């Protein structure tokens, strides 16, 4: 996203959209967060891909994330 070069990966079209939109901001930064450090975002993305939904988060937190948070909460309580 930081580069202006064309990305040829499977998400290249999304990166191109980001590159085009980022010019409207006065200041913007991007950083990579490993999947292991962002498990809830990974859960949401994986579930959205399985369901082939483009607007997966509209309206509520997905049940898969609620269950993961609850499981984590129970682990810390014990």
PDB file of N, CA and C in Angstrom:
ATOM      1  N   UNK A   1       0.820  -1.201   0.000  1.00  0.00           N
ATOM      2  CA  UNK A   1       0.000   0.000   0.000  1.00  0.00           C
ATOM      3  C   UNK A   1       0.860   1.259   0.000  1.00  0.00           C
ATOM      4  N   UNK A   2       2.046   1.166   0.591  1.00  0.00           N
ATOM      5  CA  UNK A   2       2.926   2.331   0.651  1.00  0.00           C
ATOM      6  C   UNK A   2       3.557   2.632  -0.704  1.00  0.00           C
ATOM      7  N   UNK A   3       3.754   1.624  -1.493  1.00  0.00           N
ATOM      8  CA  UNK A   3       4.395   1.773  -2.791  1.00  0.00           C
ATOM      9  C   UNK A   3       3.407   2.312  -3.818  1.00  0.00           C
ATOM     10  N   UNK A   4       3.946   2.861  -4.880  1.00  0.00           N
ATOM     11  CA  UNK A   4       3.075   3.291  -5.979  1.00  0.00           C
ATOM     12  C   UNK A   4       3.166   2.308  -7.151  1.00  0.00           C
ATOM     13  N   UNK A   5       3.961   1.251  -6.958  1.00  0.00           N
ATOM     14  CA  UNK A   5       4.108   0.236  -7.998  1.00  0.00           C
ATOM     15  C   UNK A   5       2.878  -0.668  -8.039  1.00  0.00           C
ATOM     16  N   UNK A   6       2.610  -1.222  -9.217  1.00  0.00           N
ATOM     17  CA  UNK A   6       1.476  -2.129  -9.366  1.00  0.00           C
ATOM     18  C   UNK A   6       1.758  -3.441  -8.650  1.00  0.00           C
ATOM     19  N   UNK A   7       0.800  -3.890  -7.861  1.00  0.00           N
ATOM     20  CA  UNK A   7       0.909  -5.151  -7.136  1.00  0.00           C
ATOM     21  C   UNK A   7       0.278  -6.253  -7.968  1.00  0.00           C
ATOM     22  N   UNK A   8       0.965  -7.356  -8.125  1.00  0.00           N
ATOM     23  CA  UNK A   8       0.462  -8.452  -8.956  1.00  0.00           C
ATOM     24  C   UNK A   8      -0.018  -9.638  -8.126  1.00  0.00           C
ATOM     25  N   UNK A   9      -0.228  -9.427  -6.828  1.00  0.00           N
ATOM     26  CA  UNK A   9      -0.699 -10.522  -5.980  1.00  0.00           C
ATOM     27  C   UNK A   9      -2.199 -10.722  -6.167  1.00  0.00           C
ATOM     28  N   UNK A  10      -2.749 -11.694  -5.464  1.00  0.00           N
ATOM     29  CA  UNK A  10      -4.174 -11.987  -5.585  1.00  0.00           C
ATOM     30  C   UNK A  10      -5.044 -10.850  -5.049  1.00  0.00           C
ATOM     31  N   UNK A  11      -4.484 -10.004  -4.197  1.00  0.00           N
ATOM     32  CA  UNK A  11      -5.251  -8.867  -3.690  1.00  0.00           C
ATOM     33  C   UNK A  11      -4.802  -7.554  -4.349  1.00  0.00           C
ATOM     34  N   UNK A  12      -4.187  -7.667  -5.508  1.00  0.00           N
ATOM     35  CA  UNK A  12      -3.671  -6.508  -6.229  1.00  0.00           C
ATOM     36  C   UNK A  12      -4.724  -5.443  -6.517  1.00  0.00           C
ATOM     37  N   UNK A  13      -5.944  -5.864  -6.832  1.00  0.00           N
ATOM     38  CA  UNK A  13      -7.007  -4.897  -7.133  1.00  0.00           C
ATOM     39  C   UNK A  13      -7.365  -4.081  -5.887  1.00  0.00           C
ATOM     40  N   UNK A  14      -7.361  -4.719  -4.742  1.00  0.00           N
ATOM     41  CA  UNK A  14      -7.655  -4.012  -3.491  1.00  0.00           C
ATOM     42  C   UNK A  14      -6.534  -3.030  -3.183  1.00  0.00           C
ATOM     43  N   UNK A  15      -5.295  -3.463  -3.360  1.00  0.00           N
ATOM     44  CA  UNK A  15      -4.150  -2.590  -3.108  1.00  0.00           C
ATOM     45  C   UNK A  15      -4.173  -1.403  -4.058  1.00  0.00           C
ATOM     46  N   UNK A  16      -4.543  -1.633  -5.305  1.00  0.00           N
ATOM     47  CA  UNK A  16      -4.648  -0.530  -6.276  1.00  0.00           C
ATOM     48  C   UNK A  16      -5.694   0.486  -5.818  1.00  0.00           C
ATOM     49  N   UNK A  17      -6.839   0.007  -5.335  1.00  0.00           N
ATOM     50  CA  UNK A  17      -7.874   0.918  -4.816  1.00  0.00           C
ATOM     51  C   UNK A  17      -7.331   1.743  -3.657  1.00  0.00           C
ATOM     52  N   UNK A  18      -6.606   1.102  -2.754  1.00  0.00           N
ATOM     53  CA  UNK A  18      -6.026   1.815  -1.611  1.00  0.00           C
ATOM     54  C   UNK A  18      -5.033   2.859  -2.095  1.00  0.00           C
ATOM     55  N   UNK A  19      -4.187   2.493  -3.049  1.00  0.00           N
ATOM     56  CA  UNK A  19      -3.201   3.431  -3.579  1.00  0.00           C
ATOM     57  C   UNK A  19      -3.868   4.651  -4.218  1.00  0.00           C
ATOM     58  N   UNK A  20      -4.990   4.453  -4.874  1.00  0.00           N
ATOM     59  CA  UNK A  20      -5.697   5.560  -5.506  1.00  0.00           C
ATOM     60  C   UNK A  20      -6.386   6.455  -4.486  1.00  0.00           C
ATOM     61  N   UNK A  21      -6.925   5.855  -3.425  1.00  0.00           N
ATOM     62  CA  UNK A  21      -7.669   6.615  -2.422  1.00  0.00           C
ATOM     63  C   UNK A  21      -6.753   7.328  -1.432  1.00  0.00           C
ATOM     64  N   UNK A  22      -5.579   6.773  -1.168  1.00  0.00           N
ATOM     65  CA  UNK A  22      -4.711   7.326  -0.127  1.00  0.00           C
ATOM     66  C   UNK A  22      -4.255   8.752  -0.421  1.00  0.00           C
ATOM     67  N   UNK A  23      -4.312   9.178  -1.661  1.00  0.00           N
ATOM     68  CA  UNK A  23      -3.849  10.526  -2.003  1.00  0.00           C
ATOM     69  C   UNK A  23      -4.762  11.625  -1.447  1.00  0.00           C
ATOM     70  N   UNK A  24      -5.983  11.295  -1.032  1.00  0.00           N
ATOM     71  CA  UNK A  24      -6.877  12.327  -0.498  1.00  0.00           C
ATOM     72  C   UNK A  24      -6.575  12.681   0.957  1.00  0.00           C
ATOM     73  N   UNK A  25      -5.720  11.891   1.617  1.00  0.00           N
ATOM     74  CA  UNK A  25      -5.376  12.129   3.017  1.00  0.00           C
ATOM     75  C   UNK A  25      -4.146  13.021   3.118  1.00  0.00           C
ATOM     76  N   UNK A  26      -4.132  13.887   4.121  1.00  0.00           N
ATOM     77  CA  UNK A  26      -2.949  14.707   4.383  1.00  0.00           C
ATOM     78  C   UNK A  26      -1.804  13.859   4.901  1.00  0.00           C
ATOM     79  N   UNK A  27      -2.144  12.880   5.704  1.00  0.00           N
ATOM     80  CA  UNK A  27      -1.139  11.997   6.284  1.00  0.00           C
ATOM     81  C   UNK A  27      -1.759  10.613   6.459  1.00  0.00           C
ATOM     82  N   UNK A  28      -1.013   9.596   6.064  1.00  0.00           N
ATOM     83  CA  UNK A  28      -1.502   8.230   6.198  1.00  0.00           C
ATOM     84  C   UNK A  28      -0.298   7.299   6.311  1.00  0.00           C
ATOM     85  N   UNK A  29      -0.457   6.253   7.079  1.00  0.00           N
ATOM     86  CA  UNK A  29       0.608   5.276   7.220  1.00  0.00           C
ATOM     87  C   UNK A  29       0.046   3.870   7.205  1.00  0.00           C
ATOM     88  N   UNK A  30       0.859   2.931   6.823  1.00  0.00           N
ATOM     89  CA  UNK A  30       0.468   1.532   6.757  1.00  0.00           C
ATOM     90  C   UNK A  30       1.523   0.701   7.470  1.00  0.00           C
ATOM     91  N   UNK A  31       1.091  -0.308   8.170  1.00  0.00           N
ATOM     92  CA  UNK A  31       2.046  -1.235   8.777  1.00  0.00           C
ATOM     93  C   UNK A  31       1.460  -2.643   8.732  1.00  0.00           C
ATOM     94  N   UNK A  32       2.337  -3.607   8.621  1.00  0.00           N
ATOM     95  CA  UNK A  32       1.931  -5.007   8.566  1.00  0.00           C
ATOM     96  C   UNK A  32       1.767  -5.540   9.981  1.00  0.00           C
ATOM     97  N   UNK A  33       0.646  -6.148  10.252  1.00  0.00           N
ATOM     98  CA  UNK A  33       0.408  -6.818  11.527  1.00  0.00           C
ATOM     99  C   UNK A  33       0.326  -8.315  11.222  1.00  0.00           C
ATOM    100  N   UNK A  34       1.210  -9.119  11.801  1.00  0.00           N
ATOM    101  CA  UNK A  34       1.164 -10.560  11.528  1.00  0.00           C
ATOM    102  C   UNK A  34      -0.177 -11.168  11.946  1.00  0.00           C
ATOM    103  N   UNK A  35      -0.601 -12.159  11.217  1.00  0.00           N
ATOM    104  CA  UNK A  35      -1.858 -12.843  11.493  1.00  0.00           C
ATOM    105  C   UNK A  35      -1.931 -13.319  12.942  1.00  0.00           C
ATOM    106  N   UNK A  36      -0.808 -13.779  13.474  1.00  0.00           N
ATOM    107  CA  UNK A  36      -0.785 -14.281  14.848  1.00  0.00           C
ATOM    108  C   UNK A  36      -1.048 -13.186  15.878  1.00  0.00           C
ATOM    109  N   UNK A  37      -0.847 -11.937  15.500  1.00  0.00           N
ATOM    110  CA  UNK A  37      -1.075 -10.815  16.408  1.00  0.00           C
ATOM    111  C   UNK A  37      -2.433 -10.155  16.184  1.00  0.00           C
ATOM    112  N   UNK A  38      -3.152 -10.611  15.193  1.00  0.00           N
ATOM    113  CA  UNK A  38      -4.432  -9.993  14.844  1.00  0.00           C
ATOM    114  C   UNK A  38      -5.454 -11.083  14.548  1.00  0.00           C
ATOM    115  N   UNK A  39      -5.659 -11.968  15.506  1.00  0.00           N
ATOM    116  CA  UNK A  39      -6.468 -13.156  15.280  1.00  0.00           C
ATOM    117  C   UNK A  39      -7.927 -12.855  14.972  1.00  0.00           C
ATOM    118  N   UNK A  40      -8.476 -11.806  15.572  1.00  0.00           N
ATOM    119  CA  UNK A  40      -9.890 -11.503  15.315  1.00  0.00           C
ATOM    120  C   UNK A  40     -10.100 -11.005  13.884  1.00  0.00           C
ATOM    121  N   UNK A  41      -9.202 -10.176  13.398  1.00  0.00           N
ATOM    122  CA  UNK A  41      -9.306  -9.730  12.007  1.00  0.00           C
ATOM    123  C   UNK A  41      -9.164 -10.917  11.056  1.00  0.00           C
ATOM    124  N   UNK A  42      -8.277 -11.842  11.398  1.00  0.00           N
ATOM    125  CA  UNK A  42      -8.108 -13.035  10.568  1.00  0.00           C
ATOM    126  C   UNK A  42      -9.376 -13.892  10.581  1.00  0.00           C
ATOM    127  N   UNK A  43      -9.998 -14.039  11.748  1.00  0.00           N
ATOM    128  CA  UNK A  43     -11.255 -14.785  11.834  1.00  0.00           C
ATOM    129  C   UNK A  43     -12.338 -14.152  10.959  1.00  0.00           C
ATOM    130  N   UNK A  44     -12.461 -12.836  11.041  1.00  0.00           N
ATOM    131  CA  UNK A  44     -13.470 -12.125  10.263  1.00  0.00           C
ATOM    132  C   UNK A  44     -13.204 -12.297   8.770  1.00  0.00           C
ATOM    133  N   UNK A  45     -11.954 -12.114   8.366  1.00  0.00           N
ATOM    134  CA  UNK A  45     -11.619 -12.242   6.947  1.00  0.00           C
ATOM    135  C   UNK A  45     -11.862 -13.656   6.437  1.00  0.00           C
ATOM    136  N   UNK A  46     -11.460 -14.647   7.213  1.00  0.00           N
ATOM    137  CA  UNK A  46     -11.657 -16.038   6.816  1.00  0.00           C
ATOM    138  C   UNK A  46     -13.134 -16.376   6.678  1.00  0.00           C
ATOM    139  N   UNK A  47     -13.926 -15.944   7.645  1.00  0.00           N
ATOM    140  CA  UNK A  47     -15.365 -16.218   7.609  1.00  0.00           C
ATOM    141  C   UNK A  47     -16.037 -15.508   6.429  1.00  0.00           C
ATOM    142  N   UNK A  48     -15.625 -14.278   6.163  1.00  0.00           N
ATOM    143  CA  UNK A  48     -16.192 -13.529   5.030  1.00  0.00           C
ATOM    144  C   UNK A  48     -15.874 -14.230   3.716  1.00  0.00           C
ATOM    145  N   UNK A  49     -14.653 -14.730   3.592  1.00  0.00           N
ATOM    146  CA  UNK A  49     -14.297 -15.453   2.369  1.00  0.00           C
ATOM    147  C   UNK A  49     -15.103 -16.729   2.213  1.00  0.00           C
ATOM    148  N   UNK A  50     -15.302 -17.450   3.311  1.00  0.00           N
ATOM    149  CA  UNK A  50     -16.098 -18.686   3.259  1.00  0.00           C
ATOM    150  C   UNK A  50     -17.515 -18.399   2.802  1.00  0.00           C
ATOM    151  N   UNK A  51     -18.083 -17.302   3.310  1.00  0.00           N
ATOM    152  CA  UNK A  51     -19.466 -16.962   2.991  1.00  0.00           C
ATOM    153  C   UNK A  51     -19.592 -16.133   1.722  1.00  0.00           C
ATOM    154  N   UNK A  52     -18.452 -15.733   1.150  1.00  0.00           N
ATOM    155  CA  UNK A  52     -18.426 -14.901  -0.053  1.00  0.00           C
ATOM    156  C   UNK A  52     -19.227 -13.620   0.135  1.00  0.00           C
ATOM    157  N   UNK A  53     -19.038 -12.996   1.292  1.00  0.00           N
ATOM    158  CA  UNK A  53     -19.737 -11.764   1.609  1.00  0.00           C
ATOM    159  C   UNK A  53     -18.778 -10.594   1.551  1.00  0.00           C
ATOM    160  N   UNK A  54     -19.206  -9.527   0.901  1.00  0.00           N
ATOM    161  CA  UNK A  54     -18.370  -8.346   0.781  1.00  0.00           C
ATOM    162  C   UNK A  54     -18.522  -7.374   1.930  1.00  0.00           C
ATOM    163  N   UNK A  55     -19.670  -7.380   2.596  1.00  0.00           N
ATOM    164  CA  UNK A  55     -19.927  -6.438   3.675  1.00  0.00           C
ATOM    165  C   UNK A  55     -20.237  -7.206   4.955  1.00  0.00           C
ATOM    166  N   UNK A  56     -19.323  -8.032   5.349  1.00  0.00           N
ATOM    167  CA  UNK A  56     -19.528  -8.966   6.432  1.00  0.00           C
ATOM    168  C   UNK A  56     -19.782  -8.296   7.776  1.00  0.00           C
ATOM    169  N   UNK A  57     -19.170  -7.135   8.043  1.00  0.00           N
ATOM    170  CA  UNK A  57     -19.267  -6.508   9.355  1.00  0.00           C
ATOM    171  C   UNK A  57     -20.414  -5.519   9.498  1.00  0.00           C
ATOM    172  N   UNK A  58     -21.189  -5.330   8.478  1.00  0.00           N
ATOM    173  CA  UNK A  58     -22.272  -4.358   8.557  1.00  0.00           C
ATOM    174  C   UNK A  58     -23.294  -4.803   9.588  1.00  0.00           C
ATOM    175  N   UNK A  59     -23.488  -3.990  10.616  1.00  0.00           N
ATOM    176  CA  UNK A  59     -24.550  -4.247  11.578  1.00  0.00           C
ATOM    177  C   UNK A  59     -24.169  -4.917  12.875  1.00  0.00           C
ATOM    178  N   UNK A  60     -23.114  -5.732  12.918  1.00  0.00           N
ATOM    179  CA  UNK A  60     -22.826  -6.450  14.158  1.00  0.00           C
ATOM    180  C   UNK A  60     -21.452  -7.104  14.118  1.00  0.00           C
ATOM    181  N   UNK A  61     -21.015  -7.518  15.283  1.00  0.00           N
ATOM    182  CA  UNK A  61     -19.789  -8.302  15.389  1.00  0.00           C
ATOM    183  C   UNK A  61     -20.153  -9.746  15.032  1.00  0.00           C
ATOM    184  N   UNK A  62     -19.394 -10.386  14.172  1.00  0.00           N
ATOM    185  CA  UNK A  62     -19.711 -11.762  13.778  1.00  0.00           C
ATOM    186  C   UNK A  62     -19.699 -12.712  14.975  1.00  0.00           C
ATOM    187  N   UNK A  63     -20.576 -13.697  14.940  1.00  0.00           N
ATOM    188  CA  UNK A  63     -20.663 -14.685  16.015  1.00  0.00           C
ATOM    189  C   UNK A  63     -19.355 -15.425  16.234  1.00  0.00           C
ATOM    190  N   UNK A  64     -18.614 -15.679  15.173  1.00  0.00           N
ATOM    191  CA  UNK A  64     -17.350 -16.394  15.318  1.00  0.00           C
ATOM    192  C   UNK A  64     -16.382 -15.604  16.196  1.00  0.00           C
ATOM    193  N   UNK A  65     -16.407 -14.277  16.093  1.00  0.00           N
ATOM    194  CA  UNK A  65     -15.548 -13.439  16.926  1.00  0.00           C
ATOM    195  C   UNK A  65     -16.063 -13.412  18.363  1.00  0.00           C
ATOM    196  N   UNK A  66     -17.372 -13.324  18.515  1.00  0.00           N
ATOM    197  CA  UNK A  66     -17.943 -13.354  19.873  1.00  0.00           C
ATOM    198  C   UNK A  66     -17.550 -14.634  20.606  1.00  0.00           C
ATOM    199  N   UNK A  67     -17.643 -15.762  19.908  1.00  0.00           N
ATOM    200  CA  UNK A  67     -17.282 -17.043  20.529  1.00  0.00           C
ATOM    201  C   UNK A  67     -15.789 -17.090  20.874  1.00  0.00           C
ATOM    202  N   UNK A  68     -14.954 -16.568  19.995  1.00  0.00           N
ATOM    203  CA  UNK A  68     -13.507 -16.561  20.254  1.00  0.00           C
ATOM    204  C   UNK A  68     -13.170 -15.679  21.451  1.00  0.00           C
ATOM    205  N   UNK A  69     -13.799 -14.530  21.549  1.00  0.00           N
ATOM    206  CA  UNK A  69     -13.561 -13.635  22.681  1.00  0.00           C
ATOM    207  C   UNK A  69     -14.028 -14.286  23.972  1.00  0.00           C
ATOM    208  N   UNK A  70     -15.195 -14.907  23.935  1.00  0.00           N
ATOM    209  CA  UNK A  70     -15.721 -15.572  25.127  1.00  0.00           C
ATOM    210  C   UNK A  70     -14.803 -16.725  25.553  1.00  0.00           C
ATOM    211  N   UNK A  71     -14.313 -17.500  24.599  1.00  0.00           N
ATOM    212  CA  UNK A  71     -13.388 -18.579  24.909  1.00  0.00           C
ATOM    213  C   UNK A  71     -12.104 -18.067  25.530  1.00  0.00           C
ATOM    214  N   UNK A  72     -11.612 -16.954  25.007  1.00  0.00           N
ATOM    215  CA  UNK A  72     -10.396 -16.349  25.556  1.00  0.00           C
ATOM    216  C   UNK A  72     -10.645 -15.835  26.964  1.00  0.00           C
ATOM    217  N   UNK A  73     -11.792 -15.227  27.165  1.00  0.00           N
ATOM    218  CA  UNK A  73     -12.159 -14.701  28.494  1.00  0.00           C
ATOM    219  C   UNK A  73     -12.221 -15.836  29.512  1.00  0.00           C
ATOM    220  N   UNK A  74     -12.806 -16.967  29.118  1.00  0.00           N
ATOM    221  CA  UNK A  74     -12.903 -18.114  30.025  1.00  0.00           C
ATOM    222  C   UNK A  74     -11.523 -18.684  30.362  1.00  0.00           C
ATOM    223  N   UNK A  75     -10.627 -18.707  29.382  1.00  0.00           N
ATOM    224  CA  UNK A  75      -9.265 -19.203  29.627  1.00  0.00           C
ATOM    225  C   UNK A  75      -8.546 -18.347  30.668  1.00  0.00           C
ATOM    226  N   UNK A  76      -8.736 -17.039  30.593  1.00  0.00           N
ATOM    227  CA  UNK A  76      -8.046 -16.138  31.527  1.00  0.00           C
ATOM    228  C   UNK A  76      -8.676 -16.173  32.931  1.00  0.00           C
ATOM    229  N   UNK A  77      -9.940 -16.541  33.013  1.00  0.00           N
ATOM    230  CA  UNK A  77     -10.608 -16.603  34.312  1.00  0.00           C
ATOM    231  C   UNK A  77     -10.196 -17.851  35.093  1.00  0.00           C
ATOM    232  N   UNK A  78      -9.848 -18.897  34.382  1.00  0.00           N
ATOM    233  CA  UNK A  78      -9.497 -20.174  35.046  1.00  0.00           C
ATOM    234  C   UNK A  78      -8.056 -20.220  35.473  1.00  0.00           C
TER     235      UNK A  78
END
